Amino acid sequence: MNKGIILFMLMSAVCIFFSLHVLVKPKSHGFYRFFGWECLAWLLSCNYKFWVVDPFSVYQILSWILLVYSLYLAIFGVILIKIKGKARNSRKDNTLYTFEKTTVLITSGIYHYIRHPLYASLFFLAWGICLKNITPVLLIVCTASSIFFIATMLIEEKENIRYFGEQYKEYMKKSRMIIPYVL
């Protein structure tokens, strides 16, 4: 069996395991996140062998810029959630992972500029992986991934408005969704 298919099946099994609780809840942000993760798994399983091919080509350099930025967003997003988010199990939402059950709205650091650094990280990760070896099919999968992550963010914003109320609406006016000063 092809290594890429085996890799996809393994990553897909992990995605399914961690998403079982939301796959039956299409109105939750986790439902769409699952499909974004599946697209990421497909991109990675197709492009892992091109990771360092032609390292100084324009696409590879752009890919590495996106991948490093993705890592930056993920690291600083998680750190701020841990330090300032005050995740509590008292937040009753069984579609959220424990670390997502923040009880304090984070508006400093990277969250000052963008509301969804972790999903933005996945968004840029998908494009960074896609640029490793661009094909029409992978462009479609990457675009689908982007759509799923944007849908995830939009639904999560509705969830955040329900939980944080006006405070979150005001925060939305002062920050962008995934790209500082732009989007």
N, C-alpha and C. Protein backbone atom coordinates (compact mmCIF):
# COMPACT_ATOMS: atom_id res chain seq x y z
N MET A 1 0.83 -1.18 0.00
CA MET A 1 0.00 0.00 0.00
C MET A 1 0.88 1.25 0.00
N ASN A 2 0.46 2.28 -0.66
CA ASN A 2 1.17 3.55 -0.78
C ASN A 2 1.37 4.19 0.60
N LYS A 3 2.58 4.72 0.87
CA LYS A 3 2.88 5.36 2.15
C LYS A 3 1.97 6.55 2.41
N GLY A 4 1.66 7.31 1.36
CA GLY A 4 0.78 8.46 1.51
C GLY A 4 -0.61 8.08 1.97
N ILE A 5 -1.14 6.98 1.44
CA ILE A 5 -2.47 6.50 1.83
C ILE A 5 -2.45 6.02 3.29
N ILE A 6 -1.39 5.33 3.65
CA ILE A 6 -1.26 4.85 5.04
C ILE A 6 -1.18 6.05 5.99
N LEU A 7 -0.37 7.04 5.62
CA LEU A 7 -0.25 8.25 6.43
C LEU A 7 -1.60 8.95 6.58
N PHE A 8 -2.33 9.08 5.47
CA PHE A 8 -3.66 9.71 5.52
C PHE A 8 -4.60 8.92 6.43
N MET A 9 -4.60 7.61 6.31
CA MET A 9 -5.49 6.78 7.12
C MET A 9 -5.16 6.93 8.61
N LEU A 10 -3.88 6.98 8.95
CA LEU A 10 -3.48 7.16 10.35
C LEU A 10 -3.91 8.53 10.88
N MET A 11 -3.62 9.57 10.10
CA MET A 11 -4.01 10.92 10.53
C MET A 11 -5.53 11.05 10.60
N SER A 12 -6.22 10.45 9.66
CA SER A 12 -7.68 10.49 9.65
C SER A 12 -8.26 9.78 10.87
N ALA A 13 -7.67 8.67 11.26
CA ALA A 13 -8.13 7.95 12.45
C ALA A 13 -7.97 8.83 13.69
N VAL A 14 -6.86 9.54 13.78
CA VAL A 14 -6.64 10.45 14.91
C VAL A 14 -7.69 11.57 14.89
N CYS A 15 -7.94 12.15 13.71
CA CYS A 15 -8.95 13.22 13.58
C CYS A 15 -10.32 12.72 14.00
N ILE A 16 -10.67 11.53 13.57
CA ILE A 16 -11.98 10.96 13.93
C ILE A 16 -12.06 10.74 15.44
N PHE A 17 -11.02 10.17 16.01
CA PHE A 17 -11.00 9.90 17.45
C PHE A 17 -11.25 11.18 18.25
N PHE A 18 -10.55 12.25 17.90
CA PHE A 18 -10.67 13.50 18.64
C PHE A 18 -11.91 14.30 18.27
N SER A 19 -12.63 13.90 17.23
CA SER A 19 -13.80 14.65 16.78
C SER A 19 -15.12 13.91 16.94
N LEU A 20 -15.09 12.71 17.46
CA LEU A 20 -16.33 11.92 17.58
C LEU A 20 -17.45 12.69 18.27
N HIS A 21 -17.10 13.44 19.30
CA HIS A 21 -18.12 14.14 20.08
C HIS A 21 -18.79 15.28 19.32
N VAL A 22 -18.19 15.75 18.22
CA VAL A 22 -18.79 16.87 17.46
C VAL A 22 -19.32 16.45 16.10
N LEU A 23 -18.99 15.27 15.66
CA LEU A 23 -19.43 14.85 14.32
C LEU A 23 -20.95 14.72 14.22
N VAL A 24 -21.60 14.60 15.33
CA VAL A 24 -23.07 14.52 15.34
C VAL A 24 -23.71 15.88 15.63
N LYS A 25 -22.87 16.93 15.68
CA LYS A 25 -23.37 18.27 16.01
C LYS A 25 -22.94 19.26 14.93
N PRO A 26 -23.62 19.26 13.78
CA PRO A 26 -23.21 20.11 12.66
C PRO A 26 -23.33 21.61 12.92
N LYS A 27 -23.93 22.01 14.03
CA LYS A 27 -24.02 23.44 14.34
C LYS A 27 -22.86 23.91 15.22
N SER A 28 -21.96 22.99 15.56
CA SER A 28 -20.81 23.37 16.39
C SER A 28 -19.60 23.65 15.50
N HIS A 29 -18.70 24.48 16.00
CA HIS A 29 -17.51 24.80 15.21
C HIS A 29 -16.62 23.57 15.01
N GLY A 30 -16.65 22.64 15.94
CA GLY A 30 -15.82 21.44 15.83
C GLY A 30 -16.19 20.55 14.66
N PHE A 31 -17.44 20.59 14.25
CA PHE A 31 -17.89 19.80 13.11
C PHE A 31 -17.12 20.22 11.85
N TYR A 32 -17.03 21.51 11.60
CA TYR A 32 -16.33 22.02 10.41
C TYR A 32 -14.82 21.92 10.56
N ARG A 33 -14.35 22.06 11.80
CA ARG A 33 -12.91 21.91 12.07
C ARG A 33 -12.45 20.51 11.68
N PHE A 34 -13.28 19.50 11.95
CA PHE A 34 -12.93 18.13 11.58
C PHE A 34 -12.63 18.02 10.09
N PHE A 35 -13.47 18.60 9.25
CA PHE A 35 -13.26 18.51 7.81
C PHE A 35 -12.03 19.31 7.37
N GLY A 36 -11.76 20.42 8.04
CA GLY A 36 -10.52 21.15 7.79
C GLY A 36 -9.31 20.31 8.12
N TRP A 37 -9.38 19.59 9.25
CA TRP A 37 -8.28 18.69 9.64
C TRP A 37 -8.11 17.57 8.62
N GLU A 38 -9.22 17.04 8.14
CA GLU A 38 -9.14 15.98 7.12
C GLU A 38 -8.45 16.49 5.86
N CYS A 39 -8.78 17.71 5.46
CA CYS A 39 -8.10 18.30 4.29
C CYS A 39 -6.61 18.45 4.55
N LEU A 40 -6.26 18.91 5.76
CA LEU A 40 -4.84 19.02 6.12
C LEU A 40 -4.15 17.66 6.05
N ALA A 41 -4.82 16.64 6.54
CA ALA A 41 -4.24 15.29 6.50
C ALA A 41 -4.00 14.86 5.05
N TRP A 42 -4.96 15.16 4.17
CA TRP A 42 -4.80 14.80 2.76
C TRP A 42 -3.63 15.57 2.14
N LEU A 43 -3.56 16.87 2.41
CA LEU A 43 -2.46 17.68 1.87
C LEU A 43 -1.11 17.14 2.32
N LEU A 44 -1.00 16.86 3.60
CA LEU A 44 0.27 16.36 4.14
C LEU A 44 0.62 14.99 3.59
N SER A 45 -0.38 14.13 3.47
CA SER A 45 -0.09 12.77 2.96
C SER A 45 0.32 12.80 1.49
N CYS A 46 -0.12 13.81 0.75
CA CYS A 46 0.27 13.94 -0.66
C CYS A 46 1.60 14.66 -0.83
N ASN A 47 1.91 15.59 0.07
CA ASN A 47 3.07 16.45 -0.15
C ASN A 47 4.24 16.21 0.79
N TYR A 48 4.16 15.24 1.68
CA TYR A 48 5.27 15.03 2.62
C TYR A 48 6.58 14.75 1.90
N LYS A 49 6.52 14.10 0.75
CA LYS A 49 7.76 13.71 0.07
C LYS A 49 8.41 14.89 -0.69
N PHE A 50 7.71 16.03 -0.76
CA PHE A 50 8.24 17.21 -1.44
C PHE A 50 8.71 18.27 -0.46
N TRP A 51 8.82 17.90 0.82
CA TRP A 51 9.08 18.86 1.88
C TRP A 51 10.36 19.68 1.64
N VAL A 52 11.42 19.05 1.15
CA VAL A 52 12.68 19.78 0.96
C VAL A 52 13.20 19.69 -0.47
N VAL A 53 12.33 19.36 -1.41
CA VAL A 53 12.73 19.31 -2.81
C VAL A 53 12.87 20.74 -3.33
N ASP A 54 13.93 21.02 -4.03
CA ASP A 54 14.17 22.35 -4.62
C ASP A 54 13.98 23.46 -3.57
N PRO A 55 14.79 23.44 -2.50
CA PRO A 55 14.54 24.30 -1.34
C PRO A 55 14.60 25.80 -1.60
N PHE A 56 15.20 26.24 -2.69
CA PHE A 56 15.31 27.68 -2.92
C PHE A 56 14.37 28.18 -4.01
N SER A 57 13.40 27.36 -4.39
CA SER A 57 12.41 27.83 -5.35
C SER A 57 11.47 28.82 -4.66
N VAL A 58 10.82 29.64 -5.44
CA VAL A 58 9.90 30.65 -4.89
C VAL A 58 8.80 29.99 -4.07
N TYR A 59 8.23 28.90 -4.58
CA TYR A 59 7.15 28.22 -3.86
C TYR A 59 7.63 27.65 -2.54
N GLN A 60 8.83 27.08 -2.53
CA GLN A 60 9.36 26.52 -1.27
C GLN A 60 9.61 27.63 -0.25
N ILE A 61 10.15 28.74 -0.70
CA ILE A 61 10.42 29.85 0.22
C ILE A 61 9.11 30.41 0.77
N LEU A 62 8.11 30.60 -0.09
CA LEU A 62 6.79 31.05 0.38
C LEU A 62 6.18 30.03 1.34
N SER A 63 6.35 28.75 1.00
CA SER A 63 5.84 27.68 1.86
C SER A 63 6.45 27.78 3.25
N TRP A 64 7.76 27.94 3.34
CA TRP A 64 8.41 28.00 4.64
C TRP A 64 8.00 29.24 5.42
N ILE A 65 7.79 30.35 4.73
CA ILE A 65 7.31 31.56 5.41
C ILE A 65 5.94 31.29 6.04
N LEU A 66 5.04 30.67 5.28
CA LEU A 66 3.71 30.36 5.82
C LEU A 66 3.78 29.35 6.96
N LEU A 67 4.65 28.36 6.82
CA LEU A 67 4.77 27.34 7.87
C LEU A 67 5.35 27.92 9.16
N VAL A 68 6.33 28.79 9.04
CA VAL A 68 6.91 29.42 10.23
C VAL A 68 5.88 30.35 10.89
N TYR A 69 5.15 31.12 10.08
CA TYR A 69 4.11 32.00 10.62
C TYR A 69 3.02 31.17 11.30
N SER A 70 2.68 30.04 10.71
CA SER A 70 1.70 29.13 11.29
C SER A 70 2.16 28.66 12.66
N LEU A 71 3.40 28.28 12.76
CA LEU A 71 3.96 27.83 14.03
C LEU A 71 3.95 28.96 15.07
N TYR A 72 4.32 30.15 14.65
CA TYR A 72 4.29 31.33 15.53
C TYR A 72 2.89 31.54 16.10
N LEU A 73 1.88 31.53 15.23
CA LEU A 73 0.50 31.74 15.68
C LEU A 73 0.07 30.65 16.65
N ALA A 74 0.41 29.41 16.35
CA ALA A 74 0.02 28.29 17.22
C ALA A 74 0.68 28.41 18.59
N ILE A 75 1.96 28.66 18.63
CA ILE A 75 2.69 28.72 19.90
C ILE A 75 2.16 29.85 20.77
N PHE A 76 2.09 31.07 20.22
CA PHE A 76 1.67 32.19 21.04
C PHE A 76 0.18 32.18 21.34
N GLY A 77 -0.62 31.59 20.47
CA GLY A 77 -2.04 31.42 20.75
C GLY A 77 -2.26 30.49 21.92
N VAL A 78 -1.58 29.35 21.92
CA VAL A 78 -1.73 28.37 23.00
C VAL A 78 -1.19 28.94 24.32
N ILE A 79 -0.05 29.60 24.27
CA ILE A 79 0.52 30.18 25.50
C ILE A 79 -0.47 31.14 26.14
N LEU A 80 -1.07 32.01 25.34
CA LEU A 80 -2.02 32.97 25.90
C LEU A 80 -3.28 32.31 26.42
N ILE A 81 -3.74 31.27 25.75
CA ILE A 81 -4.90 30.54 26.26
C ILE A 81 -4.58 29.95 27.63
N LYS A 82 -3.39 29.37 27.76
CA LYS A 82 -2.98 28.75 29.03
C LYS A 82 -2.83 29.80 30.13
N ILE A 83 -2.20 30.94 29.80
CA ILE A 83 -1.91 31.96 30.81
C ILE A 83 -3.13 32.80 31.17
N LYS A 84 -3.90 33.22 30.17
CA LYS A 84 -4.95 34.21 30.42
C LYS A 84 -6.38 33.70 30.26
N GLY A 85 -6.58 32.58 29.60
CA GLY A 85 -7.93 32.15 29.27
C GLY A 85 -8.75 31.60 30.41
N LYS A 86 -8.09 31.14 31.46
CA LYS A 86 -8.77 30.56 32.63
C LYS A 86 -9.83 29.54 32.22
N ALA A 87 -9.37 28.51 31.52
CA ALA A 87 -10.28 27.44 31.09
C ALA A 87 -10.84 26.73 32.31
N ARG A 88 -12.15 26.55 32.31
CA ARG A 88 -12.84 25.92 33.44
C ARG A 88 -13.88 24.93 32.91
N ASN A 89 -13.99 23.81 33.59
CA ASN A 89 -15.03 22.85 33.24
C ASN A 89 -16.42 23.35 33.60
N SER A 90 -16.47 24.44 34.36
CA SER A 90 -17.77 25.03 34.69
C SER A 90 -18.44 25.63 33.45
N ARG A 91 -17.66 25.86 32.42
CA ARG A 91 -18.24 26.33 31.15
C ARG A 91 -18.87 25.12 30.48
N LYS A 92 -20.16 25.08 30.49
CA LYS A 92 -20.91 23.92 30.03
C LYS A 92 -21.09 23.95 28.51
N ASP A 93 -20.20 23.32 27.81
CA ASP A 93 -20.32 23.16 26.36
C ASP A 93 -19.54 21.91 26.00
N ASN A 94 -20.25 20.82 25.78
CA ASN A 94 -19.57 19.55 25.54
C ASN A 94 -18.97 19.43 24.14
N THR A 95 -19.09 20.48 23.32
CA THR A 95 -18.42 20.46 22.02
C THR A 95 -17.01 21.03 22.11
N LEU A 96 -16.68 21.61 23.27
CA LEU A 96 -15.36 22.21 23.45
C LEU A 96 -14.41 21.25 24.14
N TYR A 97 -13.14 21.27 23.73
CA TYR A 97 -12.11 20.57 24.48
C TYR A 97 -11.87 21.37 25.76
N THR A 98 -11.29 20.76 26.76
CA THR A 98 -11.08 21.41 28.04
C THR A 98 -10.32 22.73 27.89
N PHE A 99 -9.26 22.76 27.10
CA PHE A 99 -8.47 23.98 26.96
C PHE A 99 -9.25 25.09 26.25
N GLU A 100 -10.31 24.74 25.51
CA GLU A 100 -11.13 25.74 24.81
C GLU A 100 -12.18 26.38 25.71
N LYS A 101 -12.39 25.82 26.88
CA LYS A 101 -13.44 26.32 27.78
C LYS A 101 -12.95 27.53 28.55
N THR A 102 -12.47 28.52 27.82
CA THR A 102 -11.97 29.73 28.45
C THR A 102 -13.13 30.51 29.06
N THR A 103 -12.85 31.13 30.21
CA THR A 103 -13.87 31.92 30.88
C THR A 103 -13.51 33.40 30.87
N VAL A 104 -12.33 33.71 30.36
CA VAL A 104 -11.88 35.10 30.24
C VAL A 104 -11.58 35.35 28.77
N LEU A 105 -12.11 36.43 28.23
CA LEU A 105 -11.84 36.80 26.85
C LEU A 105 -10.42 37.33 26.74
N ILE A 106 -9.63 36.73 25.88
CA ILE A 106 -8.23 37.13 25.70
C ILE A 106 -8.18 38.17 24.58
N THR A 107 -7.65 39.35 24.89
CA THR A 107 -7.57 40.42 23.89
C THR A 107 -6.17 41.02 23.81
N SER A 108 -5.20 40.36 24.40
CA SER A 108 -3.83 40.88 24.37
C SER A 108 -2.94 39.96 23.54
N GLY A 109 -1.71 40.40 23.33
CA GLY A 109 -0.77 39.61 22.53
C GLY A 109 -1.29 39.44 21.11
N ILE A 110 -1.14 38.27 20.55
CA ILE A 110 -1.59 38.02 19.18
C ILE A 110 -3.10 38.19 19.07
N TYR A 111 -3.83 37.96 20.18
CA TYR A 111 -5.28 38.12 20.18
C TYR A 111 -5.70 39.59 20.07
N HIS A 112 -4.80 40.49 20.30
CA HIS A 112 -5.09 41.91 20.09
C HIS A 112 -5.33 42.18 18.60
N TYR A 113 -4.63 41.45 17.76
CA TYR A 113 -4.69 41.67 16.32
C TYR A 113 -5.65 40.73 15.59
N ILE A 114 -5.66 39.46 16.02
CA ILE A 114 -6.56 38.49 15.37
C ILE A 114 -7.30 37.68 16.43
N ARG A 115 -8.55 37.34 16.12
CA ARG A 115 -9.40 36.64 17.08
C ARG A 115 -9.17 35.14 17.09
N HIS A 116 -8.62 34.58 16.03
CA HIS A 116 -8.50 33.12 15.91
C HIS A 116 -7.09 32.68 15.51
N PRO A 117 -6.10 32.94 16.36
CA PRO A 117 -4.74 32.56 15.95
C PRO A 117 -4.54 31.07 15.72
N LEU A 118 -5.26 30.23 16.46
CA LEU A 118 -5.06 28.79 16.27
C LEU A 118 -5.66 28.32 14.95
N TYR A 119 -6.82 28.84 14.58
CA TYR A 119 -7.40 28.46 13.29
C TYR A 119 -6.67 29.16 12.15
N ALA A 120 -6.20 30.36 12.39
CA ALA A 120 -5.37 31.04 11.39
C ALA A 120 -4.11 30.22 11.15
N SER A 121 -3.57 29.64 12.23
CA SER A 121 -2.40 28.79 12.11
C SER A 121 -2.67 27.61 11.19
N LEU A 122 -3.83 26.98 11.35
CA LEU A 122 -4.19 25.85 10.50
C LEU A 122 -4.43 26.30 9.06
N PHE A 123 -5.01 27.47 8.89
CA PHE A 123 -5.25 28.06 7.57
C PHE A 123 -3.92 28.23 6.83
N PHE A 124 -2.94 28.85 7.50
CA PHE A 124 -1.63 29.08 6.87
C PHE A 124 -0.83 27.78 6.74
N LEU A 125 -1.02 26.86 7.65
CA LEU A 125 -0.39 25.55 7.54
C LEU A 125 -0.84 24.85 6.26
N ALA A 126 -2.14 24.90 5.99
CA ALA A 126 -2.67 24.25 4.78
C ALA A 126 -2.02 24.84 3.53
N TRP A 127 -1.94 26.17 3.45
CA TRP A 127 -1.35 26.79 2.26
C TRP A 127 0.16 26.54 2.19
N GLY A 128 0.82 26.50 3.34
CA GLY A 128 2.25 26.18 3.36
C GLY A 128 2.51 24.77 2.86
N ILE A 129 1.68 23.82 3.26
CA ILE A 129 1.83 22.44 2.79
C ILE A 129 1.50 22.36 1.30
N CYS A 130 0.46 23.04 0.88
CA CYS A 130 0.04 22.99 -0.53
C CYS A 130 1.14 23.51 -1.46
N LEU A 131 1.83 24.56 -1.02
CA LEU A 131 2.88 25.14 -1.86
C LEU A 131 4.10 24.24 -2.04
N LYS A 132 4.20 23.21 -1.25
CA LYS A 132 5.32 22.27 -1.40
C LYS A 132 5.31 21.60 -2.77
N ASN A 133 4.12 21.30 -3.27
CA ASN A 133 3.97 20.69 -4.59
C ASN A 133 2.54 20.97 -5.07
N ILE A 134 2.37 22.03 -5.80
CA ILE A 134 1.04 22.47 -6.21
C ILE A 134 0.52 21.62 -7.36
N THR A 135 -0.69 21.09 -7.15
CA THR A 135 -1.40 20.39 -8.21
C THR A 135 -2.84 20.91 -8.20
N PRO A 136 -3.57 20.75 -9.30
CA PRO A 136 -4.96 21.22 -9.29
C PRO A 136 -5.80 20.59 -8.18
N VAL A 137 -5.63 19.30 -7.96
CA VAL A 137 -6.40 18.62 -6.91
C VAL A 137 -6.06 19.18 -5.54
N LEU A 138 -4.76 19.38 -5.28
CA LEU A 138 -4.36 19.90 -3.98
C LEU A 138 -4.80 21.34 -3.79
N LEU A 139 -4.87 22.12 -4.84
CA LEU A 139 -5.41 23.48 -4.74
C LEU A 139 -6.87 23.44 -4.32
N ILE A 140 -7.62 22.49 -4.87
CA ILE A 140 -9.03 22.34 -4.50
C ILE A 140 -9.15 21.92 -3.03
N VAL A 141 -8.33 20.96 -2.62
CA VAL A 141 -8.36 20.49 -1.23
C VAL A 141 -7.95 21.62 -0.28
N CYS A 142 -6.94 22.38 -0.66
CA CYS A 142 -6.48 23.49 0.19
C CYS A 142 -7.56 24.58 0.28
N THR A 143 -8.21 24.87 -0.82
CA THR A 143 -9.30 25.83 -0.81
C THR A 143 -10.44 25.33 0.07
N ALA A 144 -10.76 24.05 -0.04
CA ALA A 144 -11.80 23.46 0.81
C ALA A 144 -11.40 23.58 2.29
N SER A 145 -10.15 23.31 2.59
CA SER A 145 -9.65 23.44 3.95
C SER A 145 -9.85 24.87 4.45
N SER A 146 -9.51 25.83 3.62
CA SER A 146 -9.68 27.24 3.99
C SER A 146 -11.14 27.55 4.27
N ILE A 147 -12.02 27.06 3.44
CA ILE A 147 -13.46 27.29 3.63
C ILE A 147 -13.93 26.65 4.94
N PHE A 148 -13.48 25.43 5.21
CA PHE A 148 -13.87 24.76 6.46
C PHE A 148 -13.36 25.52 7.68
N PHE A 149 -12.12 26.03 7.62
CA PHE A 149 -11.59 26.76 8.77
C PHE A 149 -12.27 28.12 8.94
N ILE A 150 -12.62 28.76 7.85
CA ILE A 150 -13.36 30.02 7.96
C ILE A 150 -14.76 29.75 8.54
N ALA A 151 -15.41 28.69 8.08
CA ALA A 151 -16.71 28.32 8.65
C ALA A 151 -16.56 28.02 10.15
N THR A 152 -15.49 27.35 10.52
CA THR A 152 -15.22 27.05 11.93
C THR A 152 -15.13 28.35 12.72
N MET A 153 -14.38 29.31 12.20
CA MET A 153 -14.21 30.59 12.90
C MET A 153 -15.53 31.34 13.02
N LEU A 154 -16.32 31.36 11.96
CA LEU A 154 -17.59 32.08 11.98
C LEU A 154 -18.55 31.47 13.00
N ILE A 155 -18.60 30.16 13.06
CA ILE A 155 -19.49 29.50 14.03
C ILE A 155 -18.96 29.70 15.45
N GLU A 156 -17.64 29.63 15.61
CA GLU A 156 -17.07 29.85 16.93
C GLU A 156 -17.36 31.28 17.40
N GLU A 157 -17.38 32.23 16.49
CA GLU A 157 -17.70 33.60 16.88
C GLU A 157 -19.12 33.70 17.41
N LYS A 158 -20.05 32.98 16.82
CA LYS A 158 -21.43 32.97 17.34
C LYS A 158 -21.45 32.36 18.74
N GLU A 159 -20.67 31.28 18.93
CA GLU A 159 -20.59 30.65 20.25
C GLU A 159 -19.99 31.63 21.27
N ASN A 160 -18.96 32.36 20.85
CA ASN A 160 -18.32 33.32 21.75
C ASN A 160 -19.24 34.48 22.09
N ILE A 161 -20.03 34.92 21.13
CA ILE A 161 -21.01 35.98 21.41
C ILE A 161 -22.03 35.48 22.43
N ARG A 162 -22.47 34.23 22.29
CA ARG A 162 -23.41 33.67 23.27
C ARG A 162 -22.79 33.63 24.67
N TYR A 163 -21.51 33.31 24.75
CA TYR A 163 -20.87 33.17 26.06
C TYR A 163 -20.41 34.52 26.62
N PHE A 164 -19.69 35.31 25.82
CA PHE A 164 -19.11 36.57 26.30
C PHE A 164 -19.99 37.79 26.06
N GLY A 165 -20.98 37.69 25.19
CA GLY A 165 -21.93 38.76 24.95
C GLY A 165 -21.33 40.00 24.29
N GLU A 166 -21.73 41.16 24.80
CA GLU A 166 -21.31 42.45 24.22
C GLU A 166 -19.80 42.61 24.22
N GLN A 167 -19.15 42.06 25.22
CA GLN A 167 -17.69 42.15 25.31
C GLN A 167 -17.05 41.57 24.05
N TYR A 168 -17.58 40.46 23.55
CA TYR A 168 -17.03 39.84 22.34
C TYR A 168 -17.38 40.66 21.10
N LYS A 169 -18.57 41.22 21.06
CA LYS A 169 -18.96 42.06 19.92
C LYS A 169 -18.05 43.28 19.81
N GLU A 170 -17.70 43.87 20.93
CA GLU A 170 -16.78 45.01 20.92
C GLU A 170 -15.39 44.58 20.48
N TYR A 171 -14.97 43.42 20.95
CA TYR A 171 -13.67 42.87 20.56
C TYR A 171 -13.62 42.64 19.04
N MET A 172 -14.71 42.17 18.47
CA MET A 172 -14.76 41.93 17.02
C MET A 172 -14.55 43.22 16.23
N LYS A 173 -15.00 44.34 16.77
CA LYS A 173 -14.85 45.63 16.08
C LYS A 173 -13.40 46.09 16.07
N LYS A 174 -12.60 45.63 17.03
CA LYS A 174 -11.23 46.10 17.21
C LYS A 174 -10.17 45.15 16.65
N SER A 175 -10.58 43.98 16.20
CA SER A 175 -9.60 42.99 15.74
C SER A 175 -10.07 42.37 14.43
N ARG A 176 -9.19 41.61 13.80
CA ARG A 176 -9.51 40.91 12.56
C ARG A 176 -9.62 39.42 12.84
N MET A 177 -10.19 38.71 11.89
CA MET A 177 -10.42 37.29 12.10
C MET A 177 -9.12 36.49 12.01
N ILE A 178 -8.35 36.64 10.90
CA ILE A 178 -7.16 35.79 10.74
C ILE A 178 -5.91 36.52 10.27
N ILE A 179 -6.06 37.67 9.64
CA ILE A 179 -4.90 38.40 9.14
C ILE A 179 -4.93 39.80 9.74
N PRO A 180 -3.92 40.16 10.56
CA PRO A 180 -3.92 41.49 11.19
C PRO A 180 -4.12 42.61 10.17
N TYR A 181 -4.98 43.54 10.51
CA TYR A 181 -5.27 44.74 9.73
C TYR A 181 -5.96 44.48 8.39
N VAL A 182 -6.21 43.22 8.03
CA VAL A 182 -6.75 42.89 6.71
C VAL A 182 -8.08 42.15 6.82
N LEU A 183 -8.05 40.92 7.30
CA LEU A 183 -9.23 40.04 7.31
C LEU A 183 -9.45 39.43 8.67
